[in-house]
Amino acid sequence: QRSLPAQLVFVSACHSAALGSAFVEAGVPHVVAVRSGEQISDEVARVFSGFFYGALLAGQT
């Protein structure tokens, strides 16, 4: 198992759980992905991403 230098991976895509799991297995400590079998609308993904990245930029962890 090789550790990736990334501390956070954000996968904004429907059914991205398997990809998220691969990042976790590669050593990324913080992964955001969408559960398999779940779908999110483009608008919801856009709004969530905005709040998520806004919070990170504001120093919230």
Protein backbone atom coordinates (compact mmCIF):
# COMPACT_ATOMS: atom_id res chain seq x y z
CA GLN A 1 0.00 0.00 0.00
CA ARG A 2 1.46 3.31 -1.11
CA SER A 3 0.48 6.45 0.75
CA LEU A 4 -0.63 9.42 -1.35
CA PRO A 5 0.54 12.90 -0.30
CA ALA A 6 -3.04 14.25 -0.43
CA GLN A 7 -4.73 14.94 2.90
CA LEU A 8 -8.20 15.40 1.39
CA VAL A 9 -10.01 14.10 -1.69
CA PHE A 10 -13.43 15.46 -2.64
CA VAL A 11 -15.23 13.41 -5.32
CA SER A 12 -18.32 15.25 -6.52
CA ALA A 13 -19.96 12.50 -8.56
CA CYS A 14 -22.87 10.10 -8.17
CA HIS A 15 -21.94 6.54 -7.22
CA SER A 16 -18.38 7.52 -6.26
CA ALA A 17 -18.11 5.34 -3.14
CA ALA A 18 -15.83 2.78 -4.81
CA LEU A 19 -13.49 5.53 -5.94
CA GLY A 20 -13.60 7.05 -2.46
CA SER A 21 -12.72 3.69 -0.94
CA ALA A 22 -9.74 3.40 -3.28
CA PHE A 23 -8.43 6.74 -2.03
CA VAL A 24 -8.87 5.62 1.59
CA GLU A 25 -7.01 2.38 0.84
CA ALA A 26 -4.24 4.45 -0.77
CA GLY A 27 -3.75 6.31 2.49
CA VAL A 28 -5.75 9.51 2.04
CA PRO A 29 -7.03 10.34 5.55
CA HIS A 30 -10.06 12.44 4.54
CA VAL A 31 -12.33 11.45 1.65
CA VAL A 32 -15.74 12.83 0.66
CA ALA A 33 -17.70 10.73 -1.85
CA VAL A 34 -21.29 9.71 -2.64
CA ARG A 35 -22.60 6.33 -1.50
CA SER A 36 -23.21 3.71 -4.16
CA GLY A 37 -26.84 3.63 -5.16
CA GLU A 38 -27.32 7.30 -4.30
CA GLN A 39 -27.76 10.12 -6.76
CA ILE A 40 -27.47 13.85 -6.20
CA SER A 41 -28.65 16.62 -8.49
CA ASP A 42 -26.18 18.96 -10.12
CA GLU A 43 -27.63 21.86 -8.13
CA VAL A 44 -27.27 20.06 -4.78
CA ALA A 45 -23.70 19.07 -5.64
CA ARG A 46 -22.87 22.66 -6.60
CA VAL A 47 -24.35 24.12 -3.40
CA PHE A 48 -22.71 21.51 -1.16
CA SER A 49 -19.34 22.02 -2.86
CA GLY A 50 -19.61 25.77 -2.37
CA PHE A 51 -20.34 25.43 1.34
CA PHE A 52 -17.70 22.73 1.79
CA TYR A 53 -14.88 24.67 0.14
CA GLY A 54 -16.06 27.92 1.71
CA ALA A 55 -15.79 26.34 5.16
CA LEU A 56 -12.30 25.03 4.39
CA LEU A 57 -11.17 28.48 3.23
CA ALA A 58 -12.61 29.98 6.42
CA GLY A 59 -10.45 27.61 8.46
CA GLN A 60 -13.22 25.31 9.64
CA THR A 61 -12.17 21.70 9.93
